[in-house]
Amino acid sequence: MNRCRLCVMPDSRPDTPFTDGVCSACLSHAKRETTDWSARRRELEALLETGKNGTGYDCVVASSGGKDSHFIALTLLQMGARPLIVTATTCHLTALGRANIDNLARYATTIEVSPNRQTRAKLNYAGLKLVGDISWPEHASIFTVPFRIAGSLGIPLIFYGECPQEAYGGPAGTETAKRMDGRWVSEFGGFLGLRATDLVGEAGLDKRDLQDYRLPKPEIMDRTTAYFLGQFIRWDSHENANKACAFGFKFARPSRANLWAWENLDNAQTGLHDHLMYRKYGYGRLCAQASVDVRFGKMTRGLALHSVHRHDGVFPDPYAGIPIQDVIAPLGLTMNELDKIMDHFTNWDLFDGVDWRRPLLKGE
């Protein structure tokens, strides 16, 4: 496994090409210095004007209630827009997640779409078993629910956060995308090659159970267009967090396998999702966050490597204060069954003789 010579991202990350030892995310980040951000902002202002169509809302903000959701909504409000915040309720909402969703509702109208819990647990289990991702249904609903709400209400614009391929790396050419269309969602929307239709019959699920996890019909999709706000306004996770905190956002570091204390706080299942990402590809959430900090000059590469080696693979128990047993119990899983699933998806070419449950060393 080779790491980027500028940040610490490994070449085992999917869809992340390297050029002369530099990952695509670092190459994209360097282009920010020559981007005309004033022109991009004017483009955003023009877009917001097209959203004023008499529905009462200029745009939808696809939200989890996190620091980026706060930043998007507050930025659009300060630009004179009237956003409708649409939250697809997460799989295992934490107390911090609940508090931050409620906090954001102080500033703009919010719609929460909550799934059938029995169906959601079946989908969590299916995602974990079939593609090693307990968060599959959450990733699906993040993209489907805002489109459904915007389309049904006739709201022409949806805003998401950063373009993931620009911020974290992706195939050449994908980093310039400003729009999120159906093709983008199908390719990069976190489905991992698993579609809702593939799950019909799995654990007794039928088409009606899965309707909230499918993209709307083309005639509904055509009524609205989704954009990445980070392609119009310079995206900085630290600044986003600072702005969110100034408006009441609450945070606490969810686990030792996280560098930032103010990201991924809403879903107790996220720790398991991140740990399986580490087992599959040799990098976890801390590696991704440290790489961003290196690009922004907030951390040296040496310190980032040190942090990654000590913390990136630490098993997230508890996560956001919630024990792993409480996370898997609604799925009907035991720890032994979970271990077998995780071992199945572990890339043993990257790992040999790892003690996944090792206690933290003194001072870690």
Protein backbone atom coordinates (compact mmCIF):
# COMPACT_ATOMS: atom_id res chain seq x y z
CA MET A 1 0.00 0.00 0.00
CA ASN A 2 1.46 3.35 -1.06
CA ARG A 3 0.43 6.68 0.39
CA CYS A 4 0.23 10.03 -1.38
CA ARG A 5 3.56 11.82 -0.99
CA LEU A 6 1.75 15.06 -0.03
CA CYS A 7 -1.05 13.83 2.24
CA VAL A 8 -1.56 10.37 3.80
CA MET A 9 -4.27 8.90 1.58
CA PRO A 10 -3.36 5.39 0.33
CA ASP A 11 -3.68 4.22 -3.26
CA SER A 12 -5.97 1.45 -1.99
CA ARG A 13 -8.81 4.00 -1.82
CA PRO A 14 -11.24 3.19 -4.65
CA ASP A 15 -11.44 5.49 -7.68
CA THR A 16 -8.49 7.60 -6.52
CA PRO A 17 -5.83 7.80 -9.23
CA PHE A 18 -2.29 8.93 -8.40
CA THR A 19 -0.03 11.06 -10.62
CA ASP A 20 3.69 11.06 -9.81
CA GLY A 21 2.85 9.82 -6.32
CA VAL A 22 0.21 12.51 -5.67
CA CYS A 23 -3.44 11.62 -5.15
CA SER A 24 -6.20 13.23 -7.19
CA ALA A 25 -7.58 15.04 -4.11
CA CYS A 26 -4.29 16.90 -3.58
CA LEU A 27 -4.16 17.79 -7.28
CA SER A 28 -7.72 19.13 -7.13
CA HIS A 29 -6.99 21.09 -3.97
CA ALA A 30 -4.05 22.85 -5.63
CA LYS A 31 -6.40 24.13 -8.35
CA ARG A 32 -8.45 26.03 -5.78
CA GLU A 33 -5.82 28.78 -5.70
CA THR A 34 -6.45 29.65 -9.33
CA THR A 35 -10.25 29.36 -9.16
CA ASP A 36 -12.21 32.60 -9.61
CA TRP A 37 -14.37 32.27 -6.51
CA SER A 38 -15.99 35.67 -7.06
CA ALA A 39 -17.28 34.48 -10.41
CA ARG A 40 -18.45 31.23 -8.83
CA ARG A 41 -20.41 33.17 -6.19
CA ARG A 42 -22.08 35.28 -8.88
CA GLU A 43 -23.04 32.05 -10.60
CA LEU A 44 -24.59 30.85 -7.34
CA GLU A 45 -26.51 34.10 -6.93
CA ALA A 46 -27.92 33.70 -10.42
CA LEU A 47 -28.93 30.13 -9.62
CA LEU A 48 -30.79 31.23 -6.50
CA GLU A 49 -32.76 33.72 -8.58
CA THR A 50 -34.05 30.87 -10.74
CA GLY A 51 -35.38 29.17 -7.61
CA LYS A 52 -37.85 31.96 -6.83
CA ASN A 53 -40.90 30.44 -8.49
CA GLY A 54 -43.71 31.11 -6.08
CA THR A 55 -43.56 27.90 -4.04
CA GLY A 56 -42.47 29.78 -0.92
CA TYR A 57 -39.06 28.12 -0.89
CA ASP A 58 -36.15 28.87 -3.19
CA CYS A 59 -34.31 25.61 -2.62
CA VAL A 60 -33.99 22.45 -0.58
CA VAL A 61 -31.00 21.83 1.68
CA ALA A 62 -30.27 18.12 1.94
CA SER A 63 -29.44 17.89 5.63
CA SER A 64 -28.27 15.58 8.38
CA GLY A 65 -28.23 18.42 10.91
CA GLY A 66 -24.42 18.33 10.95
CA LYS A 67 -21.91 21.13 10.70
CA ASP A 68 -22.00 21.18 6.89
CA SER A 69 -25.81 21.25 6.87
CA HIS A 70 -25.65 24.22 9.22
CA PHE A 71 -23.11 25.95 7.00
CA ILE A 72 -25.13 25.41 3.81
CA ALA A 73 -28.42 26.58 5.30
CA LEU A 74 -26.91 29.59 7.08
CA THR A 75 -24.93 30.65 4.01
CA LEU A 76 -28.00 30.50 1.77
CA LEU A 77 -30.08 32.39 4.34
CA GLN A 78 -27.43 35.11 4.51
CA MET A 79 -27.56 35.35 0.72
CA GLY A 80 -31.27 36.14 0.94
CA ALA A 81 -32.58 32.70 -0.04
CA ARG A 82 -35.41 30.88 1.71
CA PRO A 83 -34.32 27.25 2.01
CA LEU A 84 -36.42 24.28 3.07
CA ILE A 85 -34.29 21.88 5.11
CA VAL A 86 -35.01 18.22 4.34
CA THR A 87 -33.57 15.64 6.71
CA ALA A 88 -33.69 11.94 5.96
CA THR A 89 -33.70 10.59 9.51
CA THR A 90 -30.63 8.54 10.22
CA CYS A 91 -30.46 4.86 11.20
CA HIS A 92 -29.53 5.24 14.89
CA LEU A 93 -29.93 8.87 15.88
CA THR A 94 -27.69 10.05 18.73
CA ALA A 95 -28.54 12.65 21.35
CA LEU A 96 -26.14 15.10 19.69
CA GLY A 97 -27.75 14.41 16.33
CA ARG A 98 -31.19 15.16 17.74
CA ALA A 99 -29.98 18.37 19.38
CA ASN A 100 -28.34 19.64 16.20
CA ILE A 101 -31.33 18.87 13.98
CA ASP A 102 -33.49 20.82 16.43
CA ASN A 103 -30.96 23.64 16.52
CA LEU A 104 -30.96 24.02 12.74
CA ALA A 105 -34.78 24.12 12.78
CA ARG A 106 -34.47 27.40 14.71
CA TYR A 107 -33.31 29.09 11.52
CA ALA A 108 -35.34 27.52 8.71
CA THR A 109 -38.36 25.32 8.12
CA THR A 110 -37.45 21.64 8.42
CA ILE A 111 -39.05 18.46 7.14
CA GLU A 112 -37.88 15.16 8.60
CA VAL A 113 -38.64 11.97 6.73
CA SER A 114 -38.31 8.98 9.07
CA PRO A 115 -38.16 5.43 7.72
CA ASN A 116 -40.10 2.42 8.87
CA ARG A 117 -37.79 1.16 11.60
CA GLN A 118 -38.40 -2.52 10.98
CA THR A 119 -37.63 -2.08 7.29
CA ARG A 120 -34.58 0.03 8.08
CA ALA A 121 -33.12 -2.62 10.40
CA LYS A 122 -33.56 -5.26 7.69
CA LEU A 123 -31.80 -2.97 5.20
CA ASN A 124 -28.97 -2.27 7.65
CA TYR A 125 -28.44 -6.00 8.01
CA ALA A 126 -28.71 -6.61 4.26
CA GLY A 127 -26.21 -3.85 3.49
CA LEU A 128 -23.80 -5.20 6.09
CA LYS A 129 -24.08 -8.77 4.82
CA LEU A 130 -24.06 -8.09 1.06
CA VAL A 131 -21.63 -5.17 0.64
CA GLY A 132 -20.12 -4.70 4.10
CA ASP A 133 -21.88 -1.39 4.70
CA ILE A 134 -24.34 -1.05 7.57
CA SER A 135 -25.07 2.51 6.37
CA TRP A 136 -26.32 1.52 2.91
CA PRO A 137 -29.94 2.61 3.55
CA GLU A 138 -28.82 5.91 5.03
CA HIS A 139 -26.63 6.65 2.02
CA ALA A 140 -29.48 5.78 -0.30
CA SER A 141 -32.04 7.96 1.50
CA ILE A 142 -29.67 10.95 1.67
CA PHE A 143 -29.97 11.13 -2.11
CA THR A 144 -33.52 9.94 -2.69
CA VAL A 145 -35.54 11.75 -0.01
CA PRO A 146 -34.54 15.36 -0.87
CA PHE A 147 -35.32 14.71 -4.55
CA ARG A 148 -38.72 13.30 -3.66
CA ILE A 149 -39.64 16.25 -1.43
CA ALA A 150 -38.34 18.90 -3.84
CA GLY A 151 -40.04 17.26 -6.81
CA SER A 152 -43.38 16.86 -5.04
CA LEU A 153 -43.39 20.50 -3.86
CA GLY A 154 -42.12 21.94 -7.14
CA ILE A 155 -38.92 23.36 -5.64
CA PRO A 156 -36.38 23.56 -8.50
CA LEU A 157 -33.08 23.56 -6.58
CA ILE A 158 -31.37 21.24 -4.09
CA PHE A 159 -28.04 21.95 -2.43
CA TYR A 160 -25.62 19.39 -1.08
CA GLY A 161 -22.17 20.10 0.40
CA GLU A 162 -18.81 19.53 -1.23
CA CYS A 163 -18.23 17.54 -4.41
CA PRO A 164 -16.67 14.37 -2.92
CA GLN A 165 -14.44 13.78 -5.94
CA GLU A 166 -13.00 17.29 -5.67
CA ALA A 167 -12.53 17.17 -1.90
CA TYR A 168 -11.47 13.56 -1.37
CA GLY A 169 -10.42 12.22 -4.76
CA GLY A 170 -12.04 10.52 -7.74
CA PRO A 171 -11.64 9.56 -11.38
CA ALA A 172 -10.16 12.23 -13.65
CA GLY A 173 -12.75 14.78 -14.75
CA THR A 174 -15.26 14.06 -11.98
CA GLU A 175 -13.81 16.74 -9.69
CA THR A 176 -15.30 19.55 -11.81
CA ALA A 177 -18.93 18.43 -11.43
CA LYS A 178 -21.24 21.15 -10.15
CA ARG A 179 -24.49 19.29 -10.63
CA MET A 180 -25.64 16.07 -9.04
CA ASP A 181 -27.81 14.26 -11.56
CA GLY A 182 -29.25 10.75 -11.56
CA ARG A 183 -26.19 9.35 -13.27
CA TRP A 184 -23.88 10.82 -10.61
CA VAL A 185 -26.04 9.40 -7.83
CA SER A 186 -26.04 5.96 -9.44
CA GLU A 187 -22.25 5.97 -9.82
CA PHE A 188 -21.08 7.76 -6.67
CA GLY A 189 -24.09 7.92 -4.36
CA GLY A 190 -22.92 5.31 -1.88
CA PHE A 191 -24.92 2.42 -3.30
CA LEU A 192 -21.77 0.25 -3.72
CA GLY A 193 -23.30 -1.47 -6.72
CA LEU A 194 -26.39 -2.44 -4.71
CA ARG A 195 -29.72 -1.06 -5.93
CA ALA A 196 -33.03 -1.08 -4.09
CA THR A 197 -34.43 -3.50 -6.66
CA ASP A 198 -31.66 -5.97 -5.75
CA LEU A 199 -33.08 -6.21 -2.24
CA VAL A 200 -36.61 -7.31 -3.15
CA GLY A 201 -37.09 -10.67 -1.42
CA GLU A 202 -34.13 -10.11 0.92
CA ALA A 203 -35.26 -10.62 4.55
CA GLY A 204 -38.88 -10.57 3.35
CA LEU A 205 -38.66 -7.07 1.81
CA ASP A 206 -41.01 -6.16 -1.04
CA LYS A 207 -41.18 -3.25 -3.50
CA ARG A 208 -43.29 -1.13 -1.17
CA ASP A 209 -40.71 -1.48 1.62
CA LEU A 210 -38.04 -0.13 -0.74
CA GLN A 211 -39.90 2.76 -2.36
CA ASP A 212 -38.19 5.37 -0.16
CA TYR A 213 -34.76 4.10 -1.26
CA ARG A 214 -35.30 4.47 -5.01
CA LEU A 215 -34.74 7.59 -7.04
CA PRO A 216 -38.00 9.27 -8.13
CA LYS A 217 -39.32 8.76 -11.63
CA PRO A 218 -37.69 10.90 -14.37
CA GLU A 219 -40.69 13.24 -14.56
CA ILE A 220 -40.11 14.13 -10.89
CA MET A 221 -36.32 14.28 -11.20
CA ASP A 222 -36.71 16.70 -14.11
CA ARG A 223 -38.48 19.22 -11.88
CA THR A 224 -35.43 19.87 -9.76
CA THR A 225 -31.63 20.13 -10.09
CA ALA A 226 -29.13 19.40 -7.32
CA TYR A 227 -25.84 21.26 -6.94
CA PHE A 228 -22.71 21.01 -4.79
CA LEU A 229 -22.39 24.25 -2.81
CA GLY A 230 -18.66 23.59 -2.42
CA GLN A 231 -18.20 24.19 -6.14
CA PHE A 232 -19.43 27.78 -5.74
CA ILE A 233 -18.04 28.73 -2.33
CA ARG A 234 -14.57 27.72 -1.14
CA TRP A 235 -15.16 24.66 1.06
CA ASP A 236 -13.34 24.44 4.39
CA SER A 237 -14.59 21.94 6.98
CA HIS A 238 -12.96 23.83 9.84
CA GLU A 239 -14.59 27.11 8.84
CA ASN A 240 -17.90 25.34 8.36
CA ALA A 241 -17.66 23.99 11.90
CA ASN A 242 -16.76 27.41 13.30
CA LYS A 243 -19.79 28.98 11.64
CA ALA A 244 -22.08 26.18 12.79
CA CYS A 245 -20.84 26.46 16.38
CA ALA A 246 -21.45 30.21 16.37
CA PHE A 247 -25.11 29.38 15.68
CA GLY A 248 -25.52 26.75 18.41
CA PHE A 249 -24.12 23.55 16.89
CA LYS A 250 -22.98 21.04 19.56
CA PHE A 251 -20.15 18.54 19.22
CA ALA A 252 -17.96 15.96 20.96
CA ARG A 253 -15.35 13.64 19.44
CA PRO A 254 -17.28 10.44 18.63
CA SER A 255 -14.38 7.97 18.88
CA ARG A 256 -10.60 7.58 18.91
CA ALA A 257 -10.76 6.62 15.26
CA ASN A 258 -11.91 10.19 14.43
CA LEU A 259 -9.63 13.21 14.29
CA TRP A 260 -12.31 15.88 14.14
CA ALA A 261 -14.72 16.33 17.03
CA TRP A 262 -17.44 17.94 14.93
CA GLU A 263 -18.16 15.46 12.13
CA ASN A 264 -20.39 12.37 11.84
CA LEU A 265 -22.07 12.84 15.19
CA ASP A 266 -25.65 11.97 14.31
CA ASN A 267 -25.58 8.23 13.61
CA ALA A 268 -24.25 5.68 16.10
CA GLN A 269 -23.76 3.19 13.24
CA THR A 270 -21.18 5.43 11.53
CA GLY A 271 -18.32 4.03 13.60
CA LEU A 272 -18.99 0.53 12.29
CA HIS A 273 -19.31 1.87 8.75
CA ASP A 274 -15.95 3.62 9.05
CA HIS A 275 -14.27 0.60 10.60
CA LEU A 276 -15.34 -1.63 7.73
CA MET A 277 -14.06 1.00 5.31
CA TYR A 278 -10.71 0.68 7.06
CA ARG A 279 -10.82 -3.11 6.86
CA LYS A 280 -11.67 -3.06 3.15
CA TYR A 281 -9.31 -0.36 1.94
CA GLY A 282 -6.72 0.30 4.65
CA TYR A 283 -7.92 3.79 5.51
CA GLY A 284 -10.56 5.12 7.88
CA ARG A 285 -12.21 8.38 8.82
CA LEU A 286 -9.16 9.68 10.66
CA CYS A 287 -6.98 9.19 7.56
CA ALA A 288 -9.46 11.11 5.40
CA GLN A 289 -9.70 13.95 7.92
CA ALA A 290 -5.94 14.12 8.48
CA SER A 291 -5.36 14.26 4.72
CA VAL A 292 -7.67 17.27 4.50
CA ASP A 293 -5.81 18.96 7.34
CA VAL A 294 -2.46 18.37 5.62
CA ARG A 295 -3.78 19.96 2.40
CA PHE A 296 -4.97 23.01 4.33
CA GLY A 297 -1.67 23.34 6.18
CA LYS A 298 -3.24 22.60 9.56
CA MET A 299 -1.10 19.48 10.17
CA THR A 300 2.27 18.25 8.98
CA ARG A 301 2.37 15.04 6.99
CA GLY A 302 4.60 13.47 9.66
CA LEU A 303 2.10 14.17 12.41
CA ALA A 304 -0.72 12.93 10.19
CA LEU A 305 1.12 9.64 9.61
CA HIS A 306 1.74 9.27 13.33
CA SER A 307 -1.96 9.81 14.10
CA VAL A 308 -3.07 7.41 11.36
CA HIS A 309 -0.76 4.63 12.55
CA ARG A 310 -1.94 4.93 16.14
CA HIS A 311 -5.65 5.57 15.78
CA ASP A 312 -7.08 4.95 12.32
CA GLY A 313 -8.02 1.31 12.87
CA VAL A 314 -9.15 1.49 16.50
CA PHE A 315 -12.43 -0.37 16.87
CA PRO A 316 -15.15 2.24 17.55
CA ASP A 317 -16.63 0.95 20.77
CA PRO A 318 -18.33 3.01 21.97
CA TYR A 319 -19.19 5.46 19.19
CA ALA A 320 -20.75 8.79 20.16
CA GLY A 321 -21.20 7.28 23.62
CA ILE A 322 -23.20 4.30 22.36
CA PRO A 323 -21.79 0.75 22.85
CA ILE A 324 -21.42 -1.45 19.80
CA GLN A 325 -23.85 -3.99 21.34
CA ASP A 326 -26.58 -1.33 21.28
CA VAL A 327 -25.79 -0.61 17.62
CA ILE A 328 -26.10 -4.20 16.39
CA ALA A 329 -28.91 -5.41 18.70
CA PRO A 330 -31.71 -3.89 16.52
CA LEU A 331 -30.29 -5.89 13.60
CA GLY A 332 -30.53 -9.15 15.55
CA LEU A 333 -26.74 -9.60 15.41
CA THR A 334 -24.38 -10.96 18.03
CA MET A 335 -20.75 -9.88 18.33
CA ASN A 336 -19.59 -13.26 17.01
CA GLU A 337 -21.78 -12.87 13.93
CA LEU A 338 -20.52 -9.34 13.41
CA ASP A 339 -16.91 -10.52 13.67
CA LYS A 340 -17.52 -13.10 10.95
CA ILE A 341 -19.04 -10.50 8.64
CA MET A 342 -16.17 -8.09 9.24
CA ASP A 343 -13.59 -10.81 8.67
CA HIS A 344 -15.31 -11.69 5.39
CA PHE A 345 -14.90 -8.14 4.08
CA THR A 346 -11.38 -7.59 5.45
CA ASN A 347 -8.69 -7.22 2.79
CA TRP A 348 -6.18 -9.68 4.20
CA ASP A 349 -3.60 -8.57 1.63
CA LEU A 350 -3.37 -5.35 3.63
CA PHE A 351 -3.59 -6.79 7.13
CA ASP A 352 -1.82 -9.67 8.84
CA GLY A 353 -2.18 -10.65 12.48
CA VAL A 354 -4.01 -7.47 13.49
CA ASP A 355 -5.61 -7.33 16.93
CA TRP A 356 -8.78 -5.44 15.99
CA ARG A 357 -9.87 -5.05 19.62
CA ARG A 358 -6.52 -3.97 21.02
CA PRO A 359 -6.78 -1.69 24.06
CA LEU A 360 -5.56 1.84 23.59
CA LEU A 361 -1.97 2.40 24.56
CA LYS A 362 -1.28 4.74 27.43
CA GLY A 363 -1.50 8.31 26.20
CA GLU A 364 -3.45 7.47 23.01
